[in-house]
Amino acid sequence: MKTITVKGVGKASAPVDTVELSFGLWAKDLNYDAALAAAADKMERLEQALCAAGFSAADFQTVGYHVNTEYESVCDEKGNYQSVFSGYRCSYDQQLRFDFDAARLGRALAAVAESRAEPELQVRFTVREPEKLEAALLHAAADSARARAEVLCAASGCHLGELQRIAYDLNRLNFQSETCMDLECLPQMAGSGMAKRSLSANFRPQDVELQDNAVFVWEMR
């Protein structure tokens, strides 16, 4: 049986409809209880500021919690280095996810600035239902492969027969827009007015764009 093997390349895109804010909050102290209390205070201040801006406390979720001991290398009088305990580090990894709206994102950034919690902040733009975009991507790959196979068969004086096999490597797809936000100066913003003015109502993130491929094998008649 003659066969034809074709790689189908699929592309799919969708507009951003969801924002994910990731917050890294931490505190360090030589006293264990003081480190935990300071980190918890930062988290509470940030949550209160976000709730005051209209967000739900239930949507402000903890995705990671860590308490570690830290050491630093210290040189003694003889020039020898030794590891010396420098304190307990307590950290929270928090996330807030909501439907994309430039004005609402501006209010969220304003709340972060006003909280004085000074978190390590990342903003990501994505889609609410990634499985739908992935399905469109795979459909596009299959359509691409079949179209190429039909052209090649026709050019060879053959007809495309039954599909025999599909080879697809399950790849980890990135459902995030390439739009990035640099927010290093956010802790220095003096109040919500500055934070809100930093984001235009015309702010529109790039679409989420995906590309993937699969190999299809058909019978040639």
Protein backbone atom coordinates (compact mmCIF):
# COMPACT_ATOMS: atom_id res chain seq x y z
CA MET A 1 0.00 0.00 0.00
CA LYS A 2 1.30 3.41 -0.97
CA THR A 3 1.06 6.14 1.58
CA ILE A 4 1.69 9.85 1.82
CA THR A 5 2.97 11.56 4.96
CA VAL A 6 2.25 15.24 5.47
CA LYS A 7 2.90 17.60 8.33
CA GLY A 8 -0.01 19.89 9.10
CA VAL A 9 0.80 23.25 10.62
CA GLY A 10 -2.00 24.87 12.58
CA LYS A 11 -2.31 28.46 13.70
CA ALA A 12 -5.01 29.98 15.88
CA SER A 13 -5.53 33.22 17.76
CA ALA A 14 -8.04 34.77 20.12
CA PRO A 15 -8.41 38.19 21.74
CA VAL A 16 -7.41 38.54 25.36
CA ASP A 17 -10.40 38.30 27.71
CA THR A 18 -8.71 37.61 31.07
CA VAL A 19 -6.10 39.27 33.28
CA GLU A 20 -3.97 37.42 35.82
CA LEU A 21 -2.17 39.42 38.48
CA SER A 22 0.49 37.51 40.43
CA PHE A 23 1.82 38.97 43.66
CA GLY A 24 4.93 37.96 45.56
CA LEU A 25 4.77 39.20 49.15
CA TRP A 26 7.52 38.49 51.66
CA ALA A 27 9.09 39.59 54.91
CA LYS A 28 12.27 38.64 56.72
CA ASP A 29 13.18 38.86 60.39
CA LEU A 30 15.50 37.20 62.87
CA ASN A 31 12.42 36.33 64.90
CA TYR A 32 10.20 33.60 63.44
CA ASP A 33 6.89 35.00 64.67
CA ALA A 34 7.81 38.53 63.55
CA ALA A 35 8.60 37.34 60.01
CA LEU A 36 5.24 35.55 59.72
CA ALA A 37 3.33 38.50 61.16
CA ALA A 38 5.00 41.01 58.84
CA ALA A 39 4.27 38.93 55.72
CA ALA A 40 0.66 38.35 56.81
CA ASP A 41 0.24 42.08 57.40
CA LYS A 42 1.40 42.84 53.85
CA MET A 43 -1.04 40.32 52.41
CA GLU A 44 -3.93 41.68 54.47
CA ARG A 45 -3.20 45.27 53.44
CA LEU A 46 -3.10 44.29 49.78
CA GLU A 47 -6.33 42.29 50.04
CA GLN A 48 -8.11 45.16 51.79
CA ALA A 49 -6.99 47.62 49.12
CA LEU A 50 -8.19 45.34 46.31
CA CYS A 51 -11.54 44.75 48.03
CA ALA A 52 -11.96 48.53 48.43
CA ALA A 53 -11.39 48.80 44.67
CA GLY A 54 -14.29 46.46 43.98
CA PHE A 55 -12.63 43.05 43.82
CA SER A 56 -13.80 40.01 45.76
CA ALA A 57 -11.68 38.58 48.56
CA ALA A 58 -12.63 35.10 47.30
CA ASP A 59 -10.85 35.85 44.00
CA PHE A 60 -7.63 36.87 45.79
CA GLN A 61 -6.17 33.40 46.18
CA THR A 62 -3.02 31.93 47.66
CA VAL A 63 -1.09 29.72 45.23
CA GLY A 64 2.04 29.36 47.34
CA TYR A 65 3.22 29.83 50.94
CA HIS A 66 6.83 29.39 52.04
CA VAL A 67 8.82 29.81 55.24
CA ASN A 68 12.57 29.38 54.89
CA THR A 69 15.72 30.01 56.87
CA GLU A 70 18.34 32.14 55.15
CA TYR A 71 22.07 32.34 55.68
CA GLU A 72 24.78 34.67 54.46
CA SER A 73 28.50 34.14 54.02
CA VAL A 74 30.52 36.15 56.54
CA CYS A 75 34.29 36.60 56.58
CA ASP A 76 35.90 36.40 60.02
CA GLU A 77 39.07 38.13 61.22
CA LYS A 78 41.24 35.33 59.83
CA GLY A 79 39.77 35.62 56.35
CA ASN A 80 37.70 32.48 56.62
CA TYR A 81 34.11 32.44 55.43
CA GLN A 82 31.36 30.83 57.37
CA SER A 83 27.61 30.55 56.94
CA VAL A 84 25.72 32.67 59.45
CA PHE A 85 21.97 32.60 60.04
CA SER A 86 20.43 35.84 58.72
CA GLY A 87 16.74 35.33 59.45
CA TYR A 88 13.45 33.68 58.61
CA ARG A 89 11.84 34.52 55.28
CA CYS A 90 8.09 34.13 54.97
CA SER A 91 6.47 34.58 51.57
CA TYR A 92 3.02 34.43 50.01
CA ASP A 93 2.33 33.87 46.31
CA GLN A 94 -1.06 35.39 45.58
CA GLN A 95 -3.13 35.58 42.40
CA LEU A 96 -6.06 37.67 41.25
CA ARG A 97 -7.84 36.71 38.03
CA PHE A 98 -10.62 38.74 36.39
CA ASP A 99 -12.20 39.60 33.04
CA PHE A 100 -10.06 42.00 31.05
CA ASP A 101 -11.12 45.62 31.22
CA ALA A 102 -8.57 48.43 30.96
CA ALA A 103 -10.37 50.61 33.51
CA ARG A 104 -10.67 47.76 35.99
CA LEU A 105 -7.01 46.87 35.55
CA GLY A 106 -6.18 50.50 36.26
CA ARG A 107 -8.16 50.31 39.51
CA ALA A 108 -6.32 47.14 40.48
CA LEU A 109 -2.93 48.79 39.90
CA ALA A 110 -4.09 51.81 41.88
CA ALA A 111 -5.06 49.53 44.78
CA VAL A 112 -1.65 47.84 44.71
CA ALA A 113 0.10 51.21 44.83
CA GLU A 114 -2.11 52.47 47.68
CA SER A 115 -1.69 49.33 49.77
CA ARG A 116 2.01 50.05 50.35
CA ALA A 117 2.50 46.27 50.45
CA GLU A 118 5.13 46.58 47.69
CA PRO A 119 4.59 43.13 46.15
CA GLU A 120 6.61 41.67 43.32
CA LEU A 121 3.95 42.03 40.64
CA GLN A 122 3.44 40.32 37.31
CA VAL A 123 0.58 41.00 34.89
CA ARG A 124 -0.37 38.37 32.34
CA PHE A 125 -3.04 38.51 29.65
CA THR A 126 -4.70 35.28 28.61
CA VAL A 127 -7.99 33.63 27.63
CA ARG A 128 -10.70 32.26 29.89
CA GLU A 129 -11.26 29.03 27.89
CA PRO A 130 -7.92 27.84 26.51
CA GLU A 131 -9.36 24.46 25.52
CA LYS A 132 -11.47 26.14 22.81
CA LEU A 133 -8.41 27.85 21.34
CA GLU A 134 -6.48 24.58 21.45
CA ALA A 135 -9.30 22.79 19.61
CA ALA A 136 -9.26 25.45 16.89
CA LEU A 137 -5.50 25.03 16.62
CA LEU A 138 -5.71 21.26 16.10
CA HIS A 139 -8.54 21.64 13.59
CA ALA A 140 -6.37 24.06 11.66
CA ALA A 141 -3.45 21.62 11.67
CA ALA A 142 -5.67 18.81 10.35
CA ASP A 143 -7.16 21.03 7.63
CA SER A 144 -3.69 22.19 6.61
CA ALA A 145 -2.37 18.64 6.31
CA ARG A 146 -5.35 17.38 4.32
CA ALA A 147 -5.19 20.31 1.88
CA ARG A 148 -1.49 19.69 1.24
CA ALA A 149 -2.00 15.94 0.87
CA GLU A 150 -4.80 16.44 -1.68
CA VAL A 151 -2.65 18.82 -3.74
CA LEU A 152 0.29 16.41 -3.72
CA CYS A 153 -1.88 13.45 -4.67
CA ALA A 154 -3.53 15.35 -7.49
CA ALA A 155 -0.13 16.44 -8.81
CA SER A 156 0.99 12.79 -8.74
CA GLY A 157 -2.11 11.48 -10.53
CA CYS A 158 -3.38 9.73 -7.41
CA HIS A 159 -6.34 10.00 -5.08
CA LEU A 160 -6.23 10.48 -1.34
CA GLY A 161 -7.43 7.38 0.48
CA GLU A 162 -8.21 6.56 4.09
CA LEU A 163 -6.35 8.20 6.93
CA GLN A 164 -3.96 5.63 8.40
CA ARG A 165 -2.17 7.32 11.26
CA ILE A 166 -1.72 10.59 13.16
CA ALA A 167 1.45 11.44 15.06
CA TYR A 168 1.14 14.28 17.53
CA ASP A 169 3.47 15.26 20.34
CA LEU A 170 1.58 16.77 23.22
CA ASN A 171 3.25 20.16 23.54
CA ARG A 172 2.90 22.60 26.41
CA LEU A 173 1.12 25.52 24.82
CA ASN A 174 1.51 29.06 26.09
CA PHE A 175 -1.91 30.71 26.28
CA GLN A 176 -0.51 34.13 27.18
CA SER A 177 -0.38 37.28 25.12
CA GLU A 178 3.08 38.61 24.31
CA THR A 179 2.07 42.00 25.70
CA CYS A 180 4.15 42.80 28.77
CA MET A 181 3.87 45.48 31.43
CA ASP A 182 6.86 47.02 33.21
CA LEU A 183 5.67 48.07 36.66
CA GLU A 184 8.91 48.65 38.56
CA CYS A 185 7.86 52.17 39.54
CA LEU A 186 4.43 51.14 40.86
CA PRO A 187 5.41 51.26 44.57
CA GLN A 188 6.49 54.91 44.13
CA MET A 189 3.20 56.03 42.61
CA ALA A 190 1.70 58.66 44.87
CA GLY A 191 -1.91 57.55 45.08
CA SER A 192 -4.57 56.16 42.80
CA GLY A 193 -4.59 59.13 40.44
CA MET A 194 -1.13 58.32 39.11
CA ALA A 195 -1.83 54.61 38.89
CA LYS A 196 -5.04 55.13 36.95
CA ARG A 197 -3.47 57.63 34.59
CA SER A 198 -0.72 55.14 33.80
CA LEU A 199 -3.15 52.96 31.82
CA SER A 200 -5.00 54.32 28.80
CA ALA A 201 -8.58 53.32 28.13
CA ASN A 202 -7.30 52.37 24.65
CA PHE A 203 -4.88 49.82 26.10
CA ARG A 204 -5.46 46.60 24.15
CA PRO A 205 -3.16 43.59 24.64
CA GLN A 206 -2.04 41.56 21.67
CA ASP A 207 -4.11 38.51 20.80
CA VAL A 208 -3.06 35.15 22.18
CA GLU A 209 -1.46 33.39 19.21
CA LEU A 210 -0.64 29.70 18.97
CA GLN A 211 1.10 27.46 16.47
CA ASP A 212 1.48 23.69 16.53
CA ASN A 213 1.84 20.78 14.12
CA ALA A 214 0.94 17.15 13.67
CA VAL A 215 1.91 14.46 11.15
CA PHE A 216 -0.79 12.66 9.15
CA VAL A 217 -0.40 9.52 7.04
CA TRP A 218 -2.96 8.71 4.29
CA GLU A 219 -3.36 5.86 1.86
CA MET A 220 -2.72 6.78 -1.78
CA ARG A 221 -4.95 5.21 -4.42
